[in-house]
Protein backbone atom coordinates (compact mmCIF):
# COMPACT_ATOMS: atom_id res chain seq x y z
CA ILE A 1 0.00 0.00 0.00
CA CYS A 2 1.23 3.51 -0.69
CA ILE A 3 0.14 6.65 1.15
CA LEU A 4 0.78 10.11 -0.30
CA PHE A 5 1.35 13.16 1.89
CA PRO A 6 1.54 16.80 0.83
CA HIS A 7 4.80 18.45 1.92
CA TYR A 8 6.10 21.99 1.67
CA ASN A 9 9.83 22.12 0.96
CA SER A 10 11.17 25.25 2.65
CA LEU A 11 14.48 25.02 0.78
CA THR A 12 12.92 25.13 -2.70
CA ASN A 13 9.71 26.94 -1.66
CA GLN A 14 7.65 24.33 -3.50
CA GLU A 15 4.80 22.01 -2.66
CA GLU A 16 5.82 18.37 -2.98
CA ILE A 17 4.29 14.96 -2.53
CA VAL A 18 5.92 12.42 -0.22
CA ALA A 19 5.08 8.76 -0.86
CA VAL A 20 5.34 6.15 1.87
CA ALA A 21 5.02 2.53 0.74
CA PHE A 22 4.75 -0.46 3.03
CA ASP A 23 3.87 -4.14 2.96
CA THR A 24 0.44 -4.65 4.52
CA ARG A 25 1.29 -8.14 5.81
CA LYS A 26 3.88 -6.69 8.18
CA TYR A 27 1.44 -4.13 9.60
CA MET A 28 -1.32 -6.67 10.12
CA ASP A 29 0.93 -8.27 12.74
CA ILE A 30 0.66 -5.00 14.67
CA ILE A 31 -3.14 -4.67 14.39
CA SER A 32 -3.86 -8.37 14.16
CA THR A 33 -7.12 -10.12 14.78
CA GLY A 34 -7.49 -11.68 18.18
CA SER A 35 -9.67 -14.60 19.18
CA TYR A 36 -12.62 -12.32 19.93
CA ASN A 37 -11.79 -9.03 18.25
CA ALA A 38 -10.83 -7.69 14.84
CA SER A 39 -8.85 -4.56 13.98
CA PHE A 40 -8.54 -2.77 10.67
CA LEU A 41 -7.42 0.53 9.18
CA VAL A 42 -9.73 2.71 7.07
CA ASN A 43 -9.44 6.17 5.58
CA LEU A 44 -11.90 9.00 6.19
CA ASP A 45 -14.09 7.77 3.30
CA GLY A 46 -14.33 4.28 4.82
CA ASP A 47 -12.02 2.57 2.31
CA VAL A 48 -10.22 -0.43 3.81
CA LEU A 49 -6.45 0.16 3.90
CA LEU A 50 -5.40 -2.70 6.21
CA HIS A 51 -7.44 -5.75 7.12
CA SER A 52 -6.71 -9.36 8.06
CA ASP A 53 -8.86 -10.38 5.06
CA MET A 54 -6.61 -9.53 2.09
CA ASP A 55 -9.62 -9.63 -0.29
CA LYS A 56 -11.08 -6.59 1.49
CA ILE A 57 -7.88 -4.67 0.71
CA LEU A 58 -7.51 -5.88 -2.88
CA SER A 59 -11.16 -5.16 -3.72
CA ALA A 60 -10.90 -1.72 -2.10
CA GLU A 61 -13.92 -2.55 0.06
CA ASN A 62 -15.70 0.45 1.50
CA LEU A 63 -17.13 0.18 5.03
CA SER A 64 -18.90 3.54 5.12
CA TYR A 65 -22.19 1.69 5.72
CA LEU A 66 -21.03 0.78 9.24
CA LYS A 67 -22.20 3.13 12.00
CA ALA A 68 -18.69 3.10 13.51
CA VAL A 69 -17.22 4.41 10.26
CA GLN A 70 -19.94 7.06 9.97
CA ILE A 71 -19.25 8.26 13.53
CA MET A 72 -15.48 8.51 13.08
CA GLY A 73 -15.74 11.31 10.52
CA THR A 74 -18.10 13.40 12.62
CA SER A 75 -16.54 12.93 16.06
CA LYS A 76 -14.57 15.85 17.47
CA PHE A 77 -12.40 13.38 19.40
CA SER A 78 -9.48 11.42 17.97
CA SER A 79 -10.43 8.36 20.06
CA THR A 80 -13.85 7.06 20.98
CA GLN A 81 -15.59 3.89 22.13
CA ASN A 82 -19.13 3.04 21.12
CA LEU A 83 -21.66 0.20 21.33
CA LEU A 84 -23.23 0.12 17.86
CA PRO A 85 -25.15 -2.28 15.60
CA ASP A 86 -23.52 -3.80 12.52
CA GLU A 87 -25.30 -4.11 9.18
CA ASN A 88 -27.26 -7.12 10.52
CA GLY A 89 -28.33 -5.40 13.74
CA GLU A 90 -25.90 -7.32 15.95
CA MET A 91 -24.37 -5.15 18.68
CA TRP A 92 -20.60 -4.59 18.67
CA TYR A 93 -18.21 -2.59 20.83
CA TYR A 94 -16.03 -0.36 18.65
CA ALA A 95 -12.83 1.39 19.72
CA ILE A 96 -11.93 4.02 17.12
CA ASN A 97 -8.55 5.77 17.08
CA GLY A 98 -7.81 8.54 14.61
CA ILE A 99 -4.31 8.90 13.20
CA ILE A 100 -2.62 11.39 10.86
CA ASN A 101 -4.89 14.35 11.70
CA ASN A 102 -7.94 12.07 11.78
CA ASN A 103 -7.60 11.17 8.10
CA MET A 104 -7.21 7.47 8.89
CA PHE A 105 -8.69 5.38 11.67
CA VAL A 106 -7.80 2.14 13.39
CA ILE A 107 -11.01 0.42 14.38
CA THR A 108 -11.08 -2.51 16.80
CA CYS A 109 -14.37 -4.28 17.32
CA VAL A 110 -15.73 -7.14 19.41
CA ARG A 111 -19.25 -8.55 19.56
CA GLN A 112 -21.16 -7.62 22.68
CA LYS A 113 -22.16 -11.23 23.33
CA ASP A 114 -18.50 -12.33 23.17
CA VAL A 115 -17.58 -9.81 25.86
CA PHE A 116 -20.22 -11.13 28.23
CA THR A 117 -19.45 -14.77 27.39
CA THR A 118 -15.84 -14.18 28.37
CA ILE A 119 -16.85 -12.41 31.59
CA ASN A 120 -19.22 -15.27 32.48
CA HIS A 121 -16.47 -17.87 31.89
CA ILE A 122 -14.02 -15.93 34.04
CA THR A 123 -16.59 -15.51 36.83
CA TYR A 124 -17.34 -19.25 36.75
CA ARG A 125 -13.63 -20.13 36.93
CA ILE A 126 -13.06 -17.75 39.85
CA ALA A 127 -16.02 -19.26 41.74
CA ALA A 128 -14.85 -22.82 41.05
CA ILE A 129 -11.27 -22.06 42.14
CA SER A 130 -12.51 -20.28 45.27
CA LEU A 131 -14.67 -23.27 46.24
CA ALA A 132 -11.80 -25.68 45.57
CA ILE A 133 -9.48 -23.65 47.80
CA PHE A 134 -12.19 -23.38 50.45
CA PHE A 135 -12.78 -27.14 50.55
CA LYS A 136 -9.07 -27.97 50.26
CA SER A 137 -8.22 -25.74 53.19
CA GLY A 138 -10.47 -27.77 55.48
CA SER A 139 -12.52 -24.76 56.43
CA ILE A 140 -15.63 -26.89 56.65
CA ASN A 141 -15.94 -29.17 59.66
CA PHE A 142 -18.71 -31.69 59.48
CA LEU A 143 -20.19 -32.97 62.77
């Protein structure tokens, strides 16, 4: 992928364009997809720049239909978190972080039900471990 930046050269007093090229596979390691979440990079128009699904990059998929992408262009903050529906009405938590003067955004999302499933599993494990420790310690004396 190649990103172009306008640049004013004070030595020549001319406007120039600076091109920065990088291999998207290397950057996907940085904003990789976890077991419950996904992260991707989009521009202000909602065009996918980095995504774990290479087809989304190669087809220049546009995600402007997502509420999270619509919010990012209108927010006065460079970072925000929102609980929003996807195109199918399923609720997702979105963490949106603007970069390069809010012209690009890293979006990380996780389904709401996955968050609560994880919390429920952790709570169950803590309760089970607590009971095991309680019984193992001999705190209960039967008559």
